[in-house]
Amino acid sequence: MAKAAVIMGSKSDLGVVKAAVTALKDFGVEVEVRVISAHRTPDEAHDFARCAAKNGIEVIICAAGKAAHLGGVIAAYTTLPVIGLPIKTDMMGGLDSLLSIVQMPSGIPVATVGVNGGENAGILAAQILGIKYPEIAEKLKEYKQKMKDKINADDAAVQKEAAEF
């Protein structure tokens, strides 16, 4: 079974992280959820990243705000794909988090989704896993077809309503 990890720098990030976890579970992915701080528990961050592959994890989502170094620290210690999930902050509305995650030095890439983009982080992780797991790829195709069908239905409804203006 496919396995992903979703880690957050603080328990306060759980509200945003929940969407990533839900998305992954909807695609049939086993999820390990942790609170690990790049700054307050650096030894745990190091140990987690070093052991992730050995523990069956195949992709890691790292949610963090402000300095948002968690994704970069994890990516420095593993060759697994790491997805950064910037958390909205009061100071800059999450721009600080986004820039901290997306501006990684050469050789330490962290894929990054939008601020508070938990669902997209989960979907991106599922797409990465879908390369290896055909059942996940199939669920992703179904998911995208449902989105297409909804938009097409909305389009037809709007066209009908607009004709009555």
N, C-alpha and C. Protein backbone atom coordinates (compact mmCIF):
# COMPACT_ATOMS: atom_id res chain seq x y z
N MET A 1 0.84 -1.19 0.00
CA MET A 1 0.00 0.00 0.00
C MET A 1 0.88 1.24 0.00
N ALA A 2 0.46 2.23 -0.74
CA ALA A 2 1.17 3.51 -0.81
C ALA A 2 1.12 4.19 0.56
N LYS A 3 2.21 4.86 0.90
CA LYS A 3 2.26 5.53 2.20
C LYS A 3 2.89 6.91 2.05
N ALA A 4 2.24 7.90 2.65
CA ALA A 4 2.74 9.27 2.67
C ALA A 4 2.84 9.74 4.11
N ALA A 5 3.64 10.74 4.31
CA ALA A 5 3.72 11.39 5.62
C ALA A 5 3.29 12.83 5.45
N VAL A 6 2.55 13.31 6.42
CA VAL A 6 2.17 14.71 6.48
C VAL A 6 2.67 15.21 7.82
N ILE A 7 3.64 16.11 7.76
CA ILE A 7 4.18 16.64 9.02
C ILE A 7 3.97 18.15 9.06
N MET A 8 3.78 18.63 10.25
CA MET A 8 3.53 20.06 10.43
C MET A 8 4.46 20.57 11.52
N GLY A 9 4.81 21.84 11.40
CA GLY A 9 5.72 22.45 12.35
C GLY A 9 5.08 22.74 13.70
N SER A 10 3.76 22.82 13.72
CA SER A 10 3.04 23.16 14.94
C SER A 10 1.65 22.54 14.89
N LYS A 11 1.13 22.17 16.03
CA LYS A 11 -0.22 21.61 16.11
C LYS A 11 -1.25 22.60 15.56
N SER A 12 -0.96 23.89 15.62
CA SER A 12 -1.90 24.90 15.11
C SER A 12 -2.09 24.79 13.59
N ASP A 13 -1.23 24.05 12.89
CA ASP A 13 -1.34 23.86 11.45
C ASP A 13 -2.33 22.75 11.08
N LEU A 14 -2.85 22.06 12.07
CA LEU A 14 -3.69 20.89 11.82
C LEU A 14 -4.92 21.19 10.98
N GLY A 15 -5.52 22.35 11.16
CA GLY A 15 -6.71 22.70 10.38
C GLY A 15 -6.44 22.70 8.89
N VAL A 16 -5.28 23.17 8.48
CA VAL A 16 -4.90 23.20 7.06
C VAL A 16 -4.46 21.80 6.60
N VAL A 17 -3.74 21.12 7.46
CA VAL A 17 -3.20 19.80 7.14
C VAL A 17 -4.31 18.77 6.94
N LYS A 18 -5.40 18.94 7.65
CA LYS A 18 -6.50 17.97 7.58
C LYS A 18 -6.95 17.74 6.13
N ALA A 19 -7.01 18.78 5.32
CA ALA A 19 -7.43 18.63 3.92
C ALA A 19 -6.46 17.75 3.13
N ALA A 20 -5.18 17.84 3.42
CA ALA A 20 -4.19 17.00 2.75
C ALA A 20 -4.37 15.54 3.15
N VAL A 21 -4.55 15.32 4.44
CA VAL A 21 -4.74 13.96 4.94
C VAL A 21 -6.00 13.34 4.35
N THR A 22 -7.08 14.11 4.35
CA THR A 22 -8.35 13.62 3.80
C THR A 22 -8.20 13.27 2.32
N ALA A 23 -7.56 14.14 1.55
CA ALA A 23 -7.37 13.88 0.13
C ALA A 23 -6.57 12.59 -0.08
N LEU A 24 -5.50 12.44 0.66
CA LEU A 24 -4.69 11.22 0.52
C LEU A 24 -5.49 9.97 0.86
N LYS A 25 -6.22 10.02 1.95
CA LYS A 25 -7.02 8.86 2.34
C LYS A 25 -8.10 8.56 1.31
N ASP A 26 -8.67 9.60 0.70
CA ASP A 26 -9.68 9.40 -0.34
C ASP A 26 -9.11 8.65 -1.54
N PHE A 27 -7.81 8.80 -1.78
CA PHE A 27 -7.17 8.09 -2.88
C PHE A 27 -6.57 6.75 -2.45
N GLY A 28 -6.84 6.34 -1.21
CA GLY A 28 -6.40 5.04 -0.72
C GLY A 28 -4.97 5.00 -0.23
N VAL A 29 -4.45 6.13 0.17
CA VAL A 29 -3.06 6.21 0.64
C VAL A 29 -3.04 6.15 2.17
N GLU A 30 -2.15 5.32 2.70
CA GLU A 30 -1.92 5.30 4.15
C GLU A 30 -1.16 6.57 4.51
N VAL A 31 -1.55 7.21 5.61
CA VAL A 31 -0.94 8.49 5.97
C VAL A 31 -0.43 8.45 7.41
N GLU A 32 0.80 8.86 7.58
CA GLU A 32 1.39 9.08 8.90
C GLU A 32 1.39 10.59 9.14
N VAL A 33 0.82 11.03 10.25
CA VAL A 33 0.71 12.45 10.55
C VAL A 33 1.53 12.75 11.81
N ARG A 34 2.38 13.77 11.72
CA ARG A 34 3.28 14.10 12.83
C ARG A 34 3.40 15.61 13.01
N VAL A 35 3.78 16.02 14.22
CA VAL A 35 4.20 17.39 14.50
C VAL A 35 5.71 17.32 14.77
N ILE A 36 6.47 17.97 13.90
CA ILE A 36 7.93 18.01 14.03
C ILE A 36 8.36 19.42 13.64
N SER A 37 9.09 20.08 14.50
CA SER A 37 9.55 21.43 14.22
C SER A 37 11.00 21.42 13.75
N ALA A 38 11.24 22.11 12.64
CA ALA A 38 12.60 22.22 12.13
C ALA A 38 13.52 22.92 13.13
N HIS A 39 12.94 23.83 13.92
CA HIS A 39 13.74 24.63 14.84
C HIS A 39 13.70 24.14 16.28
N ARG A 40 12.55 23.67 16.73
CA ARG A 40 12.41 23.26 18.13
C ARG A 40 12.72 21.79 18.37
N THR A 41 12.58 20.97 17.33
CA THR A 41 12.92 19.54 17.46
C THR A 41 13.77 19.11 16.25
N PRO A 42 14.93 19.73 16.07
CA PRO A 42 15.74 19.42 14.88
C PRO A 42 16.24 17.98 14.85
N ASP A 43 16.49 17.39 16.01
CA ASP A 43 16.94 15.99 16.02
C ASP A 43 15.84 15.07 15.51
N GLU A 44 14.60 15.34 15.92
CA GLU A 44 13.48 14.53 15.45
C GLU A 44 13.28 14.71 13.94
N ALA A 45 13.45 15.94 13.46
CA ALA A 45 13.32 16.20 12.02
C ALA A 45 14.37 15.40 11.25
N HIS A 46 15.58 15.43 11.73
CA HIS A 46 16.67 14.69 11.10
C HIS A 46 16.36 13.20 11.10
N ASP A 47 16.00 12.65 12.26
CA ASP A 47 15.73 11.22 12.37
C ASP A 47 14.55 10.80 11.49
N PHE A 48 13.49 11.62 11.48
CA PHE A 48 12.32 11.30 10.66
C PHE A 48 12.72 11.22 9.19
N ALA A 49 13.42 12.24 8.70
CA ALA A 49 13.79 12.28 7.29
C ALA A 49 14.72 11.12 6.92
N ARG A 50 15.69 10.86 7.76
CA ARG A 50 16.65 9.79 7.48
C ARG A 50 15.98 8.41 7.43
N CYS A 51 14.94 8.20 8.22
CA CYS A 51 14.29 6.89 8.33
C CYS A 51 13.02 6.77 7.51
N ALA A 52 12.58 7.85 6.87
CA ALA A 52 11.28 7.86 6.19
C ALA A 52 11.17 6.74 5.15
N ALA A 53 12.11 6.63 4.25
CA ALA A 53 12.04 5.61 3.20
C ALA A 53 12.06 4.21 3.81
N LYS A 54 12.92 4.02 4.79
CA LYS A 54 13.01 2.72 5.46
C LYS A 54 11.68 2.36 6.13
N ASN A 55 10.93 3.38 6.56
CA ASN A 55 9.64 3.16 7.21
C ASN A 55 8.49 3.09 6.21
N GLY A 56 8.80 3.01 4.93
CA GLY A 56 7.79 2.80 3.90
C GLY A 56 7.15 4.05 3.34
N ILE A 57 7.60 5.21 3.79
CA ILE A 57 7.05 6.47 3.29
C ILE A 57 7.63 6.74 1.90
N GLU A 58 6.76 7.21 0.98
CA GLU A 58 7.19 7.43 -0.39
C GLU A 58 7.10 8.89 -0.83
N VAL A 59 6.39 9.70 -0.09
CA VAL A 59 6.30 11.14 -0.36
C VAL A 59 5.98 11.82 0.97
N ILE A 60 6.50 13.04 1.14
CA ILE A 60 6.33 13.76 2.40
C ILE A 60 5.76 15.15 2.12
N ILE A 61 4.70 15.49 2.85
CA ILE A 61 4.15 16.84 2.82
C ILE A 61 4.59 17.52 4.11
N CYS A 62 5.16 18.72 3.98
CA CYS A 62 5.62 19.48 5.14
C CYS A 62 4.88 20.81 5.21
N ALA A 63 4.07 20.97 6.24
CA ALA A 63 3.30 22.21 6.44
C ALA A 63 4.01 23.06 7.48
N ALA A 64 4.22 24.33 7.14
CA ALA A 64 4.88 25.23 8.09
C ALA A 64 4.55 26.67 7.75
N GLY A 65 4.61 27.51 8.75
CA GLY A 65 4.38 28.93 8.58
C GLY A 65 5.60 29.74 8.98
N LYS A 66 5.53 31.02 8.73
CA LYS A 66 6.59 31.99 9.05
C LYS A 66 7.89 31.59 8.37
N ALA A 67 8.94 31.27 9.13
CA ALA A 67 10.23 30.91 8.52
C ALA A 67 10.09 29.67 7.64
N ALA A 68 9.19 28.77 7.99
CA ALA A 68 8.79 27.62 7.16
C ALA A 68 9.97 26.81 6.63
N HIS A 69 10.89 26.47 7.49
CA HIS A 69 12.07 25.70 7.07
C HIS A 69 11.86 24.20 7.09
N LEU A 70 10.73 23.73 7.56
CA LEU A 70 10.53 22.29 7.74
C LEU A 70 10.75 21.50 6.45
N GLY A 71 10.13 21.91 5.36
CA GLY A 71 10.28 21.19 4.09
C GLY A 71 11.73 21.13 3.63
N GLY A 72 12.44 22.23 3.74
CA GLY A 72 13.83 22.26 3.32
C GLY A 72 14.72 21.39 4.18
N VAL A 73 14.49 21.41 5.48
CA VAL A 73 15.27 20.56 6.38
C VAL A 73 15.02 19.09 6.06
N ILE A 74 13.75 18.73 5.89
CA ILE A 74 13.44 17.34 5.57
C ILE A 74 14.06 16.96 4.23
N ALA A 75 13.92 17.83 3.22
CA ALA A 75 14.47 17.54 1.89
C ALA A 75 15.99 17.40 1.90
N ALA A 76 16.65 18.06 2.83
CA ALA A 76 18.10 17.97 2.92
C ALA A 76 18.57 16.59 3.33
N TYR A 77 17.71 15.85 4.03
CA TYR A 77 18.10 14.55 4.59
C TYR A 77 17.47 13.35 3.88
N THR A 78 16.72 13.56 2.80
CA THR A 78 16.09 12.44 2.11
C THR A 78 16.08 12.69 0.61
N THR A 79 15.97 11.61 -0.14
CA THR A 79 15.80 11.72 -1.59
C THR A 79 14.33 11.55 -1.98
N LEU A 80 13.46 11.36 -1.00
CA LEU A 80 12.03 11.27 -1.29
C LEU A 80 11.49 12.61 -1.74
N PRO A 81 10.42 12.61 -2.55
CA PRO A 81 9.82 13.90 -2.92
C PRO A 81 9.20 14.57 -1.70
N VAL A 82 9.44 15.86 -1.58
CA VAL A 82 8.92 16.66 -0.48
C VAL A 82 8.05 17.77 -1.07
N ILE A 83 6.86 17.91 -0.50
CA ILE A 83 5.93 18.95 -0.92
C ILE A 83 5.77 19.93 0.23
N GLY A 84 6.03 21.19 -0.03
CA GLY A 84 5.87 22.22 0.98
C GLY A 84 4.45 22.77 0.96
N LEU A 85 3.88 22.92 2.13
CA LEU A 85 2.53 23.47 2.29
C LEU A 85 2.64 24.71 3.17
N PRO A 86 2.71 25.90 2.55
CA PRO A 86 2.84 27.12 3.35
C PRO A 86 1.54 27.44 4.10
N ILE A 87 1.70 27.84 5.34
CA ILE A 87 0.57 28.17 6.20
C ILE A 87 0.41 29.68 6.28
N LYS A 88 -0.84 30.13 6.20
CA LYS A 88 -1.14 31.56 6.30
C LYS A 88 -0.72 32.08 7.68
N THR A 89 -0.13 33.27 7.68
CA THR A 89 0.30 33.90 8.92
C THR A 89 -0.36 35.26 9.06
N ASP A 90 -0.35 35.79 10.26
CA ASP A 90 -0.90 37.12 10.49
C ASP A 90 0.01 38.21 9.92
N MET A 91 1.31 37.96 9.95
CA MET A 91 2.26 39.00 9.57
C MET A 91 2.16 39.36 8.08
N MET A 92 2.20 38.38 7.21
CA MET A 92 2.24 38.65 5.77
C MET A 92 1.21 37.82 5.01
N GLY A 93 0.24 37.29 5.70
CA GLY A 93 -0.80 36.52 5.05
C GLY A 93 -0.33 35.21 4.43
N GLY A 94 0.84 34.76 4.80
CA GLY A 94 1.39 33.51 4.27
C GLY A 94 2.45 33.72 3.20
N LEU A 95 2.62 34.95 2.73
CA LEU A 95 3.66 35.21 1.74
C LEU A 95 5.04 34.86 2.31
N ASP A 96 5.24 35.16 3.59
CA ASP A 96 6.51 34.81 4.24
C ASP A 96 6.73 33.30 4.20
N SER A 97 5.69 32.53 4.49
CA SER A 97 5.78 31.07 4.46
C SER A 97 6.05 30.57 3.05
N LEU A 98 5.31 31.09 2.10
CA LEU A 98 5.45 30.68 0.70
C LEU A 98 6.87 30.91 0.20
N LEU A 99 7.38 32.11 0.42
CA LEU A 99 8.73 32.42 -0.05
C LEU A 99 9.79 31.59 0.65
N SER A 100 9.60 31.31 1.93
CA SER A 100 10.56 30.49 2.67
C SER A 100 10.63 29.08 2.10
N ILE A 101 9.51 28.58 1.61
CA ILE A 101 9.48 27.21 1.09
C ILE A 101 9.93 27.16 -0.36
N VAL A 102 9.47 28.09 -1.17
CA VAL A 102 9.72 28.00 -2.59
C VAL A 102 11.16 28.40 -2.97
N GLN A 103 11.81 29.22 -2.18
CA GLN A 103 13.16 29.71 -2.51
C GLN A 103 14.25 28.82 -1.91
N MET A 104 14.24 27.56 -2.29
CA MET A 104 15.24 26.62 -1.78
C MET A 104 16.53 26.73 -2.58
N PRO A 105 17.65 26.42 -1.93
CA PRO A 105 18.93 26.47 -2.66
C PRO A 105 19.02 25.33 -3.67
N SER A 106 19.85 25.53 -4.66
CA SER A 106 20.07 24.53 -5.70
C SER A 106 20.42 23.18 -5.09
N GLY A 107 19.77 22.14 -5.58
CA GLY A 107 20.05 20.79 -5.11
C GLY A 107 19.12 20.30 -4.03
N ILE A 108 18.31 21.18 -3.45
CA ILE A 108 17.38 20.79 -2.38
C ILE A 108 15.97 21.25 -2.79
N PRO A 109 15.38 20.61 -3.81
CA PRO A 109 14.06 21.05 -4.25
C PRO A 109 12.95 20.66 -3.28
N VAL A 110 11.98 21.55 -3.15
CA VAL A 110 10.76 21.28 -2.41
C VAL A 110 9.62 21.77 -3.30
N ALA A 111 8.80 20.83 -3.79
CA ALA A 111 7.63 21.23 -4.57
C ALA A 111 6.74 22.03 -3.62
N THR A 112 6.05 23.03 -4.14
CA THR A 112 5.29 23.91 -3.25
C THR A 112 3.90 24.16 -3.82
N VAL A 113 2.90 24.08 -2.94
CA VAL A 113 1.53 24.42 -3.32
C VAL A 113 1.22 25.79 -2.72
N GLY A 114 0.04 26.30 -3.01
CA GLY A 114 -0.35 27.62 -2.53
C GLY A 114 -0.55 27.67 -1.03
N VAL A 115 -0.61 28.89 -0.52
CA VAL A 115 -0.81 29.12 0.91
C VAL A 115 -2.13 28.46 1.34
N ASN A 116 -2.05 27.68 2.41
CA ASN A 116 -3.19 26.92 2.95
C ASN A 116 -3.77 25.94 1.94
N GLY A 117 -2.97 25.50 0.98
CA GLY A 117 -3.43 24.60 -0.08
C GLY A 117 -3.33 23.13 0.30
N GLY A 118 -3.91 22.78 1.43
CA GLY A 118 -3.83 21.40 1.91
C GLY A 118 -4.36 20.37 0.93
N GLU A 119 -5.52 20.65 0.36
CA GLU A 119 -6.09 19.69 -0.58
C GLU A 119 -5.16 19.48 -1.77
N ASN A 120 -4.62 20.57 -2.33
CA ASN A 120 -3.71 20.42 -3.46
C ASN A 120 -2.44 19.67 -3.07
N ALA A 121 -1.96 19.86 -1.86
CA ALA A 121 -0.78 19.10 -1.42
C ALA A 121 -1.09 17.61 -1.42
N GLY A 122 -2.26 17.25 -0.91
CA GLY A 122 -2.65 15.85 -0.90
C GLY A 122 -2.82 15.28 -2.30
N ILE A 123 -3.43 16.05 -3.18
CA ILE A 123 -3.63 15.60 -4.56
C ILE A 123 -2.29 15.45 -5.27
N LEU A 124 -1.39 16.41 -5.09
CA LEU A 124 -0.07 16.32 -5.71
C LEU A 124 0.68 15.09 -5.21
N ALA A 125 0.60 14.83 -3.93
CA ALA A 125 1.25 13.63 -3.37
C ALA A 125 0.64 12.37 -4.00
N ALA A 126 -0.68 12.35 -4.16
CA ALA A 126 -1.34 11.20 -4.79
C ALA A 126 -0.89 11.05 -6.25
N GLN A 127 -0.73 12.17 -6.95
CA GLN A 127 -0.26 12.09 -8.34
C GLN A 127 1.15 11.51 -8.42
N ILE A 128 1.99 11.89 -7.49
CA ILE A 128 3.35 11.32 -7.45
C ILE A 128 3.26 9.81 -7.20
N LEU A 129 2.43 9.42 -6.25
CA LEU A 129 2.27 7.99 -5.94
C LEU A 129 1.59 7.24 -7.08
N GLY A 130 0.74 7.94 -7.83
CA GLY A 130 0.03 7.32 -8.94
C GLY A 130 0.95 6.82 -10.04
N ILE A 131 2.16 7.31 -10.09
CA ILE A 131 3.14 6.81 -11.07
C ILE A 131 3.45 5.34 -10.81
N LYS A 132 3.48 4.98 -9.54
CA LYS A 132 3.82 3.61 -9.13
C LYS A 132 2.58 2.75 -8.89
N TYR A 133 1.50 3.37 -8.44
CA TYR A 133 0.31 2.63 -8.03
C TYR A 133 -0.85 2.89 -8.99
N PRO A 134 -1.16 1.94 -9.89
CA PRO A 134 -2.22 2.15 -10.88
C PRO A 134 -3.59 2.43 -10.25
N GLU A 135 -3.87 1.86 -9.10
CA GLU A 135 -5.17 2.09 -8.46
C GLU A 135 -5.33 3.55 -8.02
N ILE A 136 -4.25 4.19 -7.63
CA ILE A 136 -4.30 5.60 -7.28
C ILE A 136 -4.47 6.44 -8.55
N ALA A 137 -3.74 6.08 -9.59
CA ALA A 137 -3.87 6.79 -10.86
C ALA A 137 -5.31 6.71 -11.38
N GLU A 138 -5.94 5.56 -11.23
CA GLU A 138 -7.33 5.40 -11.68
C GLU A 138 -8.27 6.28 -10.85
N LYS A 139 -8.07 6.33 -9.54
CA LYS A 139 -8.90 7.18 -8.69
C LYS A 139 -8.71 8.66 -9.04
N LEU A 140 -7.50 9.03 -9.41
CA LEU A 140 -7.25 10.41 -9.83
C LEU A 140 -7.99 10.73 -11.13
N LYS A 141 -8.01 9.79 -12.07
CA LYS A 141 -8.76 10.00 -13.31
C LYS A 141 -10.24 10.18 -13.00
N GLU A 142 -10.78 9.37 -12.11
CA GLU A 142 -12.20 9.49 -11.72
C GLU A 142 -12.46 10.84 -11.05
N TYR A 143 -11.54 11.25 -10.19
CA TYR A 143 -11.66 12.53 -9.50
C TYR A 143 -11.72 13.69 -10.51
N LYS A 144 -10.82 13.66 -11.47
CA LYS A 144 -10.78 14.73 -12.47
C LYS A 144 -12.02 14.69 -13.38
N GLN A 145 -12.52 13.50 -13.66
CA GLN A 145 -13.74 13.40 -14.47
C GLN A 145 -14.92 14.00 -13.71
N LYS A 146 -15.00 13.77 -12.40
CA LYS A 146 -16.08 14.37 -11.60
C LYS A 146 -15.99 15.90 -11.61
N MET A 147 -14.77 16.42 -11.52
CA MET A 147 -14.60 17.87 -11.61
C MET A 147 -15.09 18.39 -12.96
N LYS A 148 -14.70 17.70 -14.03
CA LYS A 148 -15.11 18.09 -15.38
C LYS A 148 -16.63 18.06 -15.50
N ASP A 149 -17.24 16.99 -15.02
CA ASP A 149 -18.70 16.86 -15.11
C ASP A 149 -19.40 17.97 -14.36
N LYS A 150 -18.88 18.35 -13.20
CA LYS A 150 -19.49 19.43 -12.41
C LYS A 150 -19.40 20.76 -13.15
N ILE A 151 -18.25 21.05 -13.70
CA ILE A 151 -18.10 22.32 -14.43
C ILE A 151 -18.99 22.33 -15.66
N ASN A 152 -19.08 21.22 -16.37
CA ASN A 152 -19.96 21.16 -17.54
C ASN A 152 -21.42 21.35 -17.14
N ALA A 153 -21.83 20.77 -16.03
CA ALA A 153 -23.20 20.96 -15.54
C ALA A 153 -23.43 22.41 -15.13
N ASP A 154 -22.44 23.01 -14.45
CA ASP A 154 -22.55 24.43 -14.08
C ASP A 154 -22.64 25.31 -15.32
N ASP A 155 -21.86 24.99 -16.34
CA ASP A 155 -21.89 25.75 -17.59
C ASP A 155 -23.27 25.70 -18.23
N ALA A 156 -23.84 24.51 -18.30
CA ALA A 156 -25.17 24.37 -18.90
C ALA A 156 -26.21 25.14 -18.10
N ALA A 157 -26.12 25.08 -16.77
CA ALA A 157 -27.07 25.80 -15.92
C ALA A 157 -26.95 27.31 -16.10
N VAL A 158 -25.72 27.80 -16.19
CA VAL A 158 -25.49 29.24 -16.36
C VAL A 158 -25.98 29.69 -17.74
N GLN A 159 -25.71 28.90 -18.75
CA GLN A 159 -26.19 29.26 -20.09
C GLN A 159 -27.71 29.35 -20.12
N LYS A 160 -28.37 28.40 -19.46
CA LYS A 160 -29.83 28.41 -19.41
C LYS A 160 -30.34 29.64 -18.65
N GLU A 161 -29.72 29.91 -17.52
CA GLU A 161 -30.12 31.08 -16.70
C GLU A 161 -29.85 32.39 -17.43
N ALA A 162 -28.72 32.48 -18.11
CA ALA A 162 -28.36 33.70 -18.82
C ALA A 162 -29.29 33.97 -19.99
N ALA A 163 -29.80 32.92 -20.57
CA ALA A 163 -30.74 33.09 -21.70
C ALA A 163 -32.04 33.74 -21.23
N GLU A 164 -32.31 33.69 -19.94
CA GLU A 164 -33.55 34.25 -19.39
C GLU A 164 -33.37 35.68 -18.90
N PHE A 165 -32.20 36.26 -19.02
CA PHE A 165 -31.97 37.65 -18.56
C PHE A 165 -32.81 38.62 -19.36
